Amino acid sequence: MNRFYTHSIQPGDSLWHLARAYETTVKEIFAANPGVNPYFLRVGEHIMVPNSPLKKDRRISQAEVDYRNDMRSLWEEHVAWTRMAIISLIFKLPDIEFVLKRLLRNATDMGNMVRRLYGDEAAAAYGNLIKEHLLIAADLVKAALAGDQKAAMEAEQKWYRNADEIAKFLSSGNPYISEDTFRQMFYEHLALTKQEALFMINKEFQKDIDVYDEIEKQARAMADTISDAMVLLYPDMF
């Protein structure tokens, strides 16, 4: 079965250009997008493109391998230190200050992953968005522990708005990341993390461990989605 990618139309795009970029044909793109007007592609419009733009049998440089490994490591650290922060908050461990400090370093590291591709300003903006995501998560856990439903609801709403901003940031500068697709991935990340915290609060430890396995797997999928898009957008750097 073909895998479909969602491409966000950029200025200058044409179906011929997309067919070359994704190594498919204009006919196949037409079949995947009934009713599309090839002479009037709107910037920001989403086009479904069949087939993977990254062939399995292609040669991969060491630079790409390193980038992909670093991206996965950062997302694995992201969920691991988030978990440790949840545990420290719930069980009032004396290491919470140190754990939160290490957790927030992940935001800076995430920003640095896009620095050499997007520049300093974008790196700072992305790092701040990830930092906000982590701080809101801590606020949500604190509100849940205090039984403050209003504060928990407000934090959760902020959490999802932040997820929208992260998806918009990643997709706005890279046509190989669909804003809608990545938003749904990040929403899943939030839902799983919330479930993880609730299981821990309720001392349902086996369920907590089971959901963490899902969190790790899903985090790696997000990392690979970002890496794929970066490699496609900046082939000369990999």
Protein backbone atom coordinates (compact mmCIF):
# COMPACT_ATOMS: atom_id res chain seq x y z
CA MET A 1 0.00 0.00 0.00
CA ASN A 2 1.27 3.48 -0.83
CA ARG A 3 1.98 5.83 2.01
CA PHE A 4 0.56 9.31 1.57
CA TYR A 5 2.29 12.51 2.61
CA THR A 6 0.52 15.80 3.20
CA HIS A 7 2.29 18.65 1.41
CA SER A 8 1.50 22.29 2.23
CA ILE A 9 1.61 24.32 -0.98
CA GLN A 10 4.38 26.92 -1.06
CA PRO A 11 4.87 29.87 -3.45
CA GLY A 12 6.03 28.59 -6.84
CA ASP A 13 4.79 25.03 -6.34
CA SER A 14 3.25 23.11 -9.23
CA LEU A 15 2.08 19.54 -9.58
CA TRP A 16 5.04 18.87 -11.85
CA HIS A 17 7.39 20.22 -9.16
CA LEU A 18 5.71 18.07 -6.50
CA ALA A 19 5.87 14.98 -8.71
CA ARG A 20 9.64 15.43 -9.11
CA ALA A 21 10.23 16.25 -5.45
CA TYR A 22 8.29 13.22 -4.21
CA GLU A 23 9.39 10.90 -7.03
CA THR A 24 5.86 10.19 -8.20
CA THR A 25 3.76 11.35 -11.18
CA VAL A 26 1.29 14.15 -11.81
CA LYS A 27 -1.29 11.48 -12.68
CA GLU A 28 -0.89 9.84 -9.26
CA ILE A 29 -1.18 13.19 -7.48
CA PHE A 30 -4.39 13.91 -9.42
CA ALA A 31 -5.78 10.53 -8.39
CA ALA A 32 -5.04 11.28 -4.72
CA ASN A 33 -6.63 14.76 -4.92
CA PRO A 34 -9.86 14.61 -6.93
CA GLY A 35 -11.04 18.07 -7.95
CA VAL A 36 -7.71 19.83 -7.45
CA ASN A 37 -7.13 22.73 -9.87
CA PRO A 38 -3.55 22.38 -11.18
CA TYR A 39 -3.60 25.97 -12.45
CA PHE A 40 -4.66 27.47 -9.13
CA LEU A 41 -2.80 25.93 -6.21
CA ARG A 42 -3.39 28.13 -3.16
CA VAL A 43 -0.46 28.76 -0.80
CA GLY A 44 -1.16 26.82 2.39
CA GLU A 45 -3.48 24.36 0.60
CA HIS A 46 -2.81 20.73 1.53
CA ILE A 47 -2.11 18.21 -1.22
CA MET A 48 -1.94 14.47 -0.60
CA VAL A 49 1.13 13.00 -2.30
CA PRO A 50 1.53 9.21 -2.78
CA ASN A 51 4.77 7.36 -2.12
CA SER A 52 7.62 8.13 0.22
CA PRO A 53 9.98 10.93 -0.83
CA LEU A 54 12.74 9.13 1.07
CA LYS A 55 13.49 5.84 -0.65
CA LYS A 56 14.44 2.94 1.59
CA ASP A 57 17.34 1.93 -0.66
CA ARG A 58 18.91 5.38 -0.93
CA ARG A 59 22.37 6.10 0.47
CA ILE A 60 22.35 7.95 3.80
CA SER A 61 25.22 10.20 4.84
CA GLN A 62 26.81 10.13 8.29
CA ALA A 63 25.50 13.66 8.83
CA GLU A 64 21.94 12.45 8.34
CA VAL A 65 22.45 9.44 10.61
CA ASP A 66 23.83 11.72 13.34
CA TYR A 67 20.98 14.20 12.96
CA ARG A 68 18.32 11.49 13.14
CA ASN A 69 19.96 9.87 16.17
CA ASP A 70 20.28 13.23 17.94
CA MET A 71 16.64 14.08 17.20
CA ARG A 72 15.44 10.75 18.58
CA SER A 73 17.67 11.11 21.64
CA LEU A 74 16.24 14.54 22.41
CA TRP A 75 12.64 13.35 22.18
CA GLU A 76 13.45 10.30 24.31
CA GLU A 77 15.06 12.63 26.87
CA HIS A 78 12.02 14.87 26.59
CA VAL A 79 9.60 12.17 27.69
CA ALA A 80 12.03 10.60 30.20
CA TRP A 81 12.70 13.84 32.08
CA THR A 82 9.03 14.73 31.90
CA ARG A 83 8.28 11.40 33.58
CA MET A 84 10.89 12.03 36.27
CA ALA A 85 9.41 15.47 36.91
CA ILE A 86 5.94 13.95 37.26
CA ILE A 87 7.25 11.40 39.77
CA SER A 88 9.13 14.05 41.78
CA LEU A 89 6.10 16.35 41.87
CA ILE A 90 3.62 13.65 42.85
CA PHE A 91 5.77 12.05 45.52
CA LYS A 92 7.28 15.33 46.73
CA LEU A 93 10.85 14.21 46.19
CA PRO A 94 13.67 16.55 47.24
CA ASP A 95 15.23 16.49 43.77
CA ILE A 96 12.38 18.36 42.04
CA GLU A 97 14.34 21.61 41.59
CA PHE A 98 17.20 19.77 39.90
CA VAL A 99 14.91 17.59 37.80
CA LEU A 100 12.96 20.58 36.48
CA LYS A 101 16.20 22.39 35.65
CA ARG A 102 17.39 19.40 33.62
CA LEU A 103 13.99 19.03 31.99
CA LEU A 104 14.00 22.65 30.80
CA ARG A 105 17.44 22.16 29.26
CA ASN A 106 15.68 19.90 26.79
CA ALA A 107 13.91 22.96 25.38
CA THR A 108 17.23 24.68 24.66
CA ASP A 109 18.57 21.49 23.10
CA MET A 110 15.47 21.21 20.90
CA GLY A 111 16.01 24.78 19.72
CA ASN A 112 19.62 24.01 18.88
CA MET A 113 18.50 21.17 16.61
CA VAL A 114 16.95 23.68 14.20
CA ARG A 115 19.55 26.44 14.69
CA ARG A 116 21.90 25.47 11.87
CA LEU A 117 18.95 24.99 9.52
CA TYR A 118 16.61 27.84 10.49
CA GLY A 119 18.94 30.31 12.24
CA ASP A 120 19.24 31.84 15.72
CA GLU A 121 15.88 33.62 15.85
CA ALA A 122 13.91 30.52 14.90
CA ALA A 123 15.95 28.38 17.30
CA ALA A 124 15.10 30.70 20.18
CA ALA A 125 11.41 30.78 19.22
CA TYR A 126 11.16 26.99 18.99
CA GLY A 127 13.07 26.52 22.24
CA ASN A 128 10.69 28.91 24.00
CA LEU A 129 7.66 27.03 22.67
CA ILE A 130 9.02 23.72 23.99
CA LYS A 131 9.89 25.36 27.32
CA GLU A 132 6.33 26.67 27.61
CA HIS A 133 5.01 23.18 26.83
CA LEU A 134 7.07 21.72 29.68
CA LEU A 135 6.17 24.41 32.21
CA ILE A 136 2.47 24.08 31.46
CA ALA A 137 2.75 20.32 31.99
CA ALA A 138 4.20 20.95 35.45
CA ASP A 139 1.39 23.41 36.23
CA LEU A 140 -1.17 20.83 35.14
CA VAL A 141 0.26 18.17 37.45
CA LYS A 142 0.38 20.64 40.36
CA ALA A 143 -3.26 21.63 39.79
CA ALA A 144 -4.34 17.98 39.61
CA LEU A 145 -2.52 17.20 42.85
CA ALA A 146 -4.18 20.16 44.56
CA GLY A 147 -7.62 19.08 43.30
CA ASP A 148 -8.02 22.48 41.62
CA GLN A 149 -10.16 21.55 38.62
CA LYS A 150 -10.41 25.12 37.33
CA ALA A 151 -6.64 25.59 37.30
CA ALA A 152 -6.18 22.17 35.72
CA MET A 153 -8.67 22.99 32.97
CA GLU A 154 -7.02 26.35 32.28
CA ALA A 155 -3.59 24.73 32.14
CA GLU A 156 -4.83 22.04 29.77
CA GLN A 157 -6.34 24.63 27.44
CA LYS A 158 -3.03 26.54 27.41
CA TRP A 159 -1.24 23.24 26.75
CA TYR A 160 -3.26 22.57 23.61
CA ARG A 161 -2.92 26.16 22.37
CA ASN A 162 0.83 25.77 22.79
CA ALA A 163 0.68 22.53 20.78
CA ASP A 164 -1.08 24.44 17.99
CA GLU A 165 1.73 27.00 18.01
CA ILE A 166 4.41 24.29 17.84
CA ALA A 167 2.70 22.60 14.89
CA LYS A 168 2.33 25.96 13.14
CA PHE A 169 5.99 26.83 13.75
CA LEU A 170 7.31 23.55 12.35
CA SER A 171 5.05 23.58 9.29
CA SER A 172 5.31 27.27 8.42
CA GLY A 173 8.93 27.03 7.33
CA ASN A 174 8.85 23.49 5.98
CA PRO A 175 6.36 22.23 3.38
CA TYR A 176 7.24 18.62 4.25
CA ILE A 177 5.54 18.91 7.65
CA SER A 178 1.77 19.08 7.60
CA GLU A 179 0.47 21.39 10.32
CA ASP A 180 -2.67 19.30 10.76
CA THR A 181 -0.79 16.00 10.89
CA PHE A 182 1.80 17.20 13.38
CA ARG A 183 -0.87 18.89 15.50
CA GLN A 184 -2.65 15.56 15.83
CA MET A 185 0.64 13.87 16.74
CA PHE A 186 1.31 16.46 19.41
CA TYR A 187 -2.25 16.19 20.72
CA GLU A 188 -1.64 12.46 21.12
CA HIS A 189 1.59 13.24 23.00
CA LEU A 190 -0.37 15.49 25.39
CA ALA A 191 -3.14 12.96 25.91
CA LEU A 192 -0.68 10.17 26.68
CA THR A 193 1.33 12.37 29.07
CA LYS A 194 -1.84 13.40 30.90
CA GLN A 195 -2.85 9.75 31.22
CA GLU A 196 0.63 8.91 32.51
CA ALA A 197 0.31 11.54 35.27
CA LEU A 198 -3.20 10.42 36.23
CA PHE A 199 -2.16 6.77 36.50
CA MET A 200 0.76 7.83 38.69
CA ILE A 201 -1.43 10.02 40.91
CA ASN A 202 -3.91 7.13 41.32
CA LYS A 203 -1.04 4.70 42.00
CA GLU A 204 -2.00 2.52 39.03
CA PHE A 205 1.63 1.77 38.43
CA GLN A 206 1.37 -1.03 35.85
CA LYS A 207 -0.95 1.07 33.71
CA ASP A 208 1.45 3.97 34.12
CA ILE A 209 4.34 1.84 32.88
CA ASP A 210 2.27 0.55 29.95
CA VAL A 211 1.31 4.04 28.80
CA TYR A 212 4.92 5.18 29.09
CA ASP A 213 5.88 2.51 26.56
CA GLU A 214 3.36 4.12 24.20
CA ILE A 215 4.77 7.57 24.97
CA GLU A 216 8.30 6.50 24.02
CA LYS A 217 7.17 4.94 20.76
CA GLN A 218 5.09 7.97 19.82
CA ALA A 219 7.92 10.38 20.68
CA ARG A 220 10.24 8.54 18.32
CA ALA A 221 7.61 8.83 15.58
CA MET A 222 7.48 12.61 16.10
CA ALA A 223 11.27 12.80 16.00
CA ASP A 224 11.37 10.87 12.72
CA THR A 225 8.65 13.06 11.20
CA ILE A 226 10.70 16.18 11.94
CA SER A 227 13.94 14.58 10.73
CA ASP A 228 12.33 13.45 7.46
CA ALA A 229 11.14 16.99 6.78
CA MET A 230 14.51 18.55 7.57
CA VAL A 231 16.36 16.13 5.30
CA LEU A 232 13.93 16.81 2.46
CA LEU A 233 14.10 20.59 2.84
CA TYR A 234 17.89 20.80 3.26
CA PRO A 235 19.34 17.89 1.23
CA ASP A 236 22.64 19.74 0.70
CA MET A 237 23.25 19.83 4.45
CA PHE A 238 22.89 16.08 4.80
